[in-house]
Amino acid sequence: MTPPIRLLFFASAREATGNRELDWPVASEGIPVRDLLRALEEQFPRLTPILPSSRFVRNGTYLRGSSSRIRPGDEFAVHPPYSGG
């Protein structure tokens, strides 16, 4: 069985999804970031205005662009803009 990816949501992304973290099933070949983001917007429409200004982290490394592929067992974090208090 293919392990899911672990999604982590911070700040307004957590509020939009109602989840701090979530396991997301993917095929063994993984999923391009842009396709994952599209699927997340379908599942959680409140994420739509948040994602364009968010930063994405795969396994602790910030990603550039949306052509990277997220593979089974990866951790993918959504970091919308936020400030310290």
N, C-alpha and C. Protein backbone atom coordinates (compact mmCIF):
# COMPACT_ATOMS: atom_id res chain seq x y z
N MET A 1 0.84 -1.19 0.00
CA MET A 1 0.00 0.00 0.00
C MET A 1 0.89 1.25 0.00
N THR A 2 0.54 2.21 -0.83
CA THR A 2 1.31 3.44 -0.95
C THR A 2 1.02 4.36 0.23
N PRO A 3 2.07 4.84 0.92
CA PRO A 3 1.82 5.75 2.04
C PRO A 3 1.28 7.09 1.54
N PRO A 4 0.45 7.74 2.33
CA PRO A 4 -0.07 9.06 1.93
C PRO A 4 1.01 10.13 2.11
N ILE A 5 0.71 11.31 1.63
CA ILE A 5 1.55 12.46 1.98
C ILE A 5 0.93 13.09 3.22
N ARG A 6 1.76 13.72 4.01
CA ARG A 6 1.28 14.41 5.22
C ARG A 6 1.21 15.89 4.90
N LEU A 7 0.02 16.45 4.99
CA LEU A 7 -0.18 17.88 4.74
C LEU A 7 -0.20 18.61 6.07
N LEU A 8 0.50 19.72 6.15
CA LEU A 8 0.50 20.57 7.34
C LEU A 8 -0.02 21.94 6.95
N PHE A 9 -0.93 22.47 7.73
CA PHE A 9 -1.53 23.77 7.45
C PHE A 9 -1.25 24.72 8.62
N PHE A 10 -0.84 25.94 8.30
CA PHE A 10 -0.52 26.93 9.31
C PHE A 10 -1.41 28.15 9.16
N ALA A 11 -1.63 28.85 10.27
CA ALA A 11 -2.32 30.14 10.32
C ALA A 11 -3.65 30.09 9.57
N SER A 12 -3.86 30.99 8.61
CA SER A 12 -5.15 31.07 7.92
C SER A 12 -5.45 29.83 7.09
N ALA A 13 -4.43 29.10 6.65
CA ALA A 13 -4.67 27.85 5.92
C ALA A 13 -5.27 26.81 6.86
N ARG A 14 -4.83 26.80 8.10
CA ARG A 14 -5.40 25.88 9.09
C ARG A 14 -6.86 26.24 9.34
N GLU A 15 -7.14 27.54 9.44
CA GLU A 15 -8.53 27.97 9.65
C GLU A 15 -9.40 27.62 8.44
N ALA A 16 -8.86 27.77 7.24
CA ALA A 16 -9.63 27.51 6.02
C ALA A 16 -9.95 26.03 5.84
N THR A 17 -9.06 25.16 6.29
CA THR A 17 -9.28 23.72 6.13
C THR A 17 -9.91 23.08 7.37
N GLY A 18 -9.76 23.74 8.51
CA GLY A 18 -10.22 23.13 9.76
C GLY A 18 -9.30 22.03 10.24
N ASN A 19 -8.09 21.98 9.66
CA ASN A 19 -7.13 20.92 10.00
C ASN A 19 -5.74 21.50 10.25
N ARG A 20 -5.07 20.95 11.22
CA ARG A 20 -3.66 21.27 11.45
C ARG A 20 -2.80 20.40 10.55
N GLU A 21 -3.20 19.14 10.43
CA GLU A 21 -2.51 18.22 9.54
C GLU A 21 -3.52 17.22 9.00
N LEU A 22 -3.14 16.62 7.88
CA LEU A 22 -4.06 15.75 7.16
C LEU A 22 -3.24 14.78 6.32
N ASP A 23 -3.62 13.51 6.31
CA ASP A 23 -2.99 12.55 5.40
C ASP A 23 -3.77 12.57 4.09
N TRP A 24 -3.04 12.66 2.97
CA TRP A 24 -3.66 12.79 1.65
C TRP A 24 -3.16 11.64 0.78
N PRO A 25 -4.05 10.79 0.29
CA PRO A 25 -3.60 9.67 -0.54
C PRO A 25 -3.09 10.14 -1.90
N VAL A 26 -2.03 9.51 -2.36
CA VAL A 26 -1.48 9.80 -3.68
C VAL A 26 -1.06 8.49 -4.34
N ALA A 27 -1.00 8.52 -5.65
CA ALA A 27 -0.52 7.36 -6.41
C ALA A 27 0.97 7.17 -6.16
N SER A 28 1.48 6.01 -6.50
CA SER A 28 2.89 5.70 -6.23
C SER A 28 3.85 6.64 -6.95
N GLU A 29 3.43 7.24 -8.08
CA GLU A 29 4.30 8.18 -8.79
C GLU A 29 4.23 9.59 -8.22
N GLY A 30 3.39 9.81 -7.23
CA GLY A 30 3.27 11.12 -6.61
C GLY A 30 2.35 12.04 -7.38
N ILE A 31 2.43 13.33 -7.07
CA ILE A 31 1.55 14.33 -7.67
C ILE A 31 2.30 15.65 -7.81
N PRO A 32 2.17 16.32 -8.96
CA PRO A 32 2.80 17.65 -9.07
C PRO A 32 2.14 18.63 -8.09
N VAL A 33 2.93 19.55 -7.59
CA VAL A 33 2.42 20.53 -6.63
C VAL A 33 1.19 21.24 -7.18
N ARG A 34 1.23 21.67 -8.44
CA ARG A 34 0.09 22.42 -9.00
C ARG A 34 -1.19 21.58 -8.97
N ASP A 35 -1.09 20.26 -9.20
CA ASP A 35 -2.26 19.39 -9.16
C ASP A 35 -2.75 19.20 -7.72
N LEU A 36 -1.81 19.10 -6.79
CA LEU A 36 -2.19 18.99 -5.38
C LEU A 36 -2.91 20.25 -4.94
N LEU A 37 -2.39 21.41 -5.31
CA LEU A 37 -3.03 22.67 -4.92
C LEU A 37 -4.43 22.78 -5.51
N ARG A 38 -4.59 22.35 -6.75
CA ARG A 38 -5.92 22.37 -7.39
C ARG A 38 -6.88 21.45 -6.63
N ALA A 39 -6.41 20.27 -6.24
CA ALA A 39 -7.25 19.34 -5.48
C ALA A 39 -7.61 19.90 -4.11
N LEU A 40 -6.65 20.57 -3.47
CA LEU A 40 -6.93 21.18 -2.16
C LEU A 40 -7.97 22.28 -2.29
N GLU A 41 -7.89 23.08 -3.36
CA GLU A 41 -8.88 24.14 -3.57
C GLU A 41 -10.27 23.55 -3.79
N GLU A 42 -10.34 22.42 -4.47
CA GLU A 42 -11.64 21.76 -4.68
C GLU A 42 -12.20 21.24 -3.36
N GLN A 43 -11.34 20.65 -2.55
CA GLN A 43 -11.77 20.09 -1.27
C GLN A 43 -12.05 21.18 -0.23
N PHE A 44 -11.27 22.26 -0.27
CA PHE A 44 -11.37 23.34 0.71
C PHE A 44 -11.43 24.68 -0.03
N PRO A 45 -12.59 25.08 -0.54
CA PRO A 45 -12.70 26.31 -1.33
C PRO A 45 -12.18 27.56 -0.62
N ARG A 46 -12.21 27.57 0.70
CA ARG A 46 -11.72 28.74 1.45
C ARG A 46 -10.21 28.92 1.32
N LEU A 47 -9.51 27.90 0.81
CA LEU A 47 -8.06 28.03 0.58
C LEU A 47 -7.75 28.84 -0.67
N THR A 48 -8.68 28.94 -1.59
CA THR A 48 -8.43 29.56 -2.89
C THR A 48 -7.76 30.93 -2.79
N PRO A 49 -8.24 31.87 -1.96
CA PRO A 49 -7.57 33.17 -1.90
C PRO A 49 -6.25 33.14 -1.11
N ILE A 50 -6.01 32.08 -0.37
CA ILE A 50 -4.83 32.00 0.49
C ILE A 50 -3.61 31.44 -0.26
N LEU A 51 -3.84 30.46 -1.11
CA LEU A 51 -2.73 29.75 -1.74
C LEU A 51 -1.82 30.61 -2.62
N PRO A 52 -2.35 31.58 -3.39
CA PRO A 52 -1.44 32.36 -4.24
C PRO A 52 -0.34 33.11 -3.49
N SER A 53 -0.58 33.48 -2.25
CA SER A 53 0.44 34.21 -1.49
C SER A 53 1.16 33.33 -0.47
N SER A 54 0.89 32.03 -0.51
CA SER A 54 1.50 31.10 0.44
C SER A 54 2.85 30.60 -0.05
N ARG A 55 3.64 30.14 0.90
CA ARG A 55 4.89 29.44 0.59
C ARG A 55 4.68 27.97 0.92
N PHE A 56 5.38 27.12 0.17
CA PHE A 56 5.19 25.69 0.32
C PHE A 56 6.52 25.04 0.67
N VAL A 57 6.44 24.07 1.56
CA VAL A 57 7.63 23.40 2.07
C VAL A 57 7.45 21.89 1.91
N ARG A 58 8.41 21.26 1.24
CA ARG A 58 8.41 19.80 1.11
C ARG A 58 9.57 19.25 1.93
N ASN A 59 9.23 18.44 2.91
CA ASN A 59 10.24 17.78 3.75
C ASN A 59 11.26 18.77 4.30
N GLY A 60 10.77 19.94 4.73
CA GLY A 60 11.63 20.93 5.37
C GLY A 60 12.34 21.88 4.43
N THR A 61 12.11 21.78 3.11
CA THR A 61 12.76 22.64 2.13
C THR A 61 11.71 23.46 1.39
N TYR A 62 11.90 24.78 1.37
CA TYR A 62 10.97 25.65 0.63
C TYR A 62 11.05 25.35 -0.85
N LEU A 63 9.90 25.30 -1.48
CA LEU A 63 9.82 25.03 -2.92
C LEU A 63 9.72 26.33 -3.69
N ARG A 64 10.21 26.29 -4.91
CA ARG A 64 10.06 27.41 -5.85
C ARG A 64 9.25 26.89 -7.02
N GLY A 65 8.17 27.59 -7.32
CA GLY A 65 7.31 27.17 -8.42
C GLY A 65 6.41 26.02 -8.03
N SER A 66 5.61 25.58 -9.00
CA SER A 66 4.63 24.54 -8.70
C SER A 66 4.84 23.30 -9.56
N SER A 67 6.04 23.13 -10.12
CA SER A 67 6.28 21.97 -10.97
C SER A 67 6.91 20.80 -10.20
N SER A 68 7.30 21.02 -8.95
CA SER A 68 7.87 19.93 -8.15
C SER A 68 6.82 18.84 -7.95
N ARG A 69 7.29 17.65 -7.68
CA ARG A 69 6.40 16.52 -7.45
C ARG A 69 6.46 16.11 -5.99
N ILE A 70 5.30 15.90 -5.39
CA ILE A 70 5.20 15.42 -4.02
C ILE A 70 4.98 13.91 -4.09
N ARG A 71 5.81 13.18 -3.39
CA ARG A 71 5.79 11.72 -3.48
C ARG A 71 5.23 11.10 -2.20
N PRO A 72 4.75 9.85 -2.30
CA PRO A 72 4.24 9.17 -1.11
C PRO A 72 5.24 9.24 0.04
N GLY A 73 4.74 9.52 1.22
CA GLY A 73 5.58 9.62 2.41
C GLY A 73 6.16 11.00 2.65
N ASP A 74 6.03 11.91 1.66
CA ASP A 74 6.53 13.28 1.84
C ASP A 74 5.64 14.06 2.80
N GLU A 75 6.22 15.11 3.35
CA GLU A 75 5.48 16.07 4.16
C GLU A 75 5.42 17.36 3.36
N PHE A 76 4.23 17.93 3.23
CA PHE A 76 4.02 19.14 2.45
C PHE A 76 3.30 20.15 3.33
N ALA A 77 3.92 21.30 3.54
CA ALA A 77 3.36 22.32 4.43
C ALA A 77 2.94 23.55 3.65
N VAL A 78 1.80 24.11 4.05
CA VAL A 78 1.28 25.36 3.47
C VAL A 78 1.49 26.45 4.50
N HIS A 79 2.32 27.45 4.15
CA HIS A 79 2.61 28.59 5.03
C HIS A 79 2.07 29.86 4.40
N PRO A 80 0.87 30.29 4.79
CA PRO A 80 0.38 31.57 4.29
C PRO A 80 1.14 32.70 4.99
N PRO A 81 1.01 33.91 4.47
CA PRO A 81 1.66 35.03 5.17
C PRO A 81 1.12 35.17 6.59
N TYR A 82 2.00 35.34 7.53
CA TYR A 82 1.60 35.59 8.92
C TYR A 82 2.70 36.37 9.59
N SER A 83 2.35 36.99 10.70
CA SER A 83 3.35 37.79 11.42
C SER A 83 3.39 37.35 12.86
N GLY A 84 4.51 37.59 13.48
CA GLY A 84 4.67 37.26 14.90
C GLY A 84 3.95 38.25 15.78
N GLY A 85 3.79 37.90 17.02
CA GLY A 85 3.02 38.78 17.90
C GLY A 85 3.72 39.22 19.08
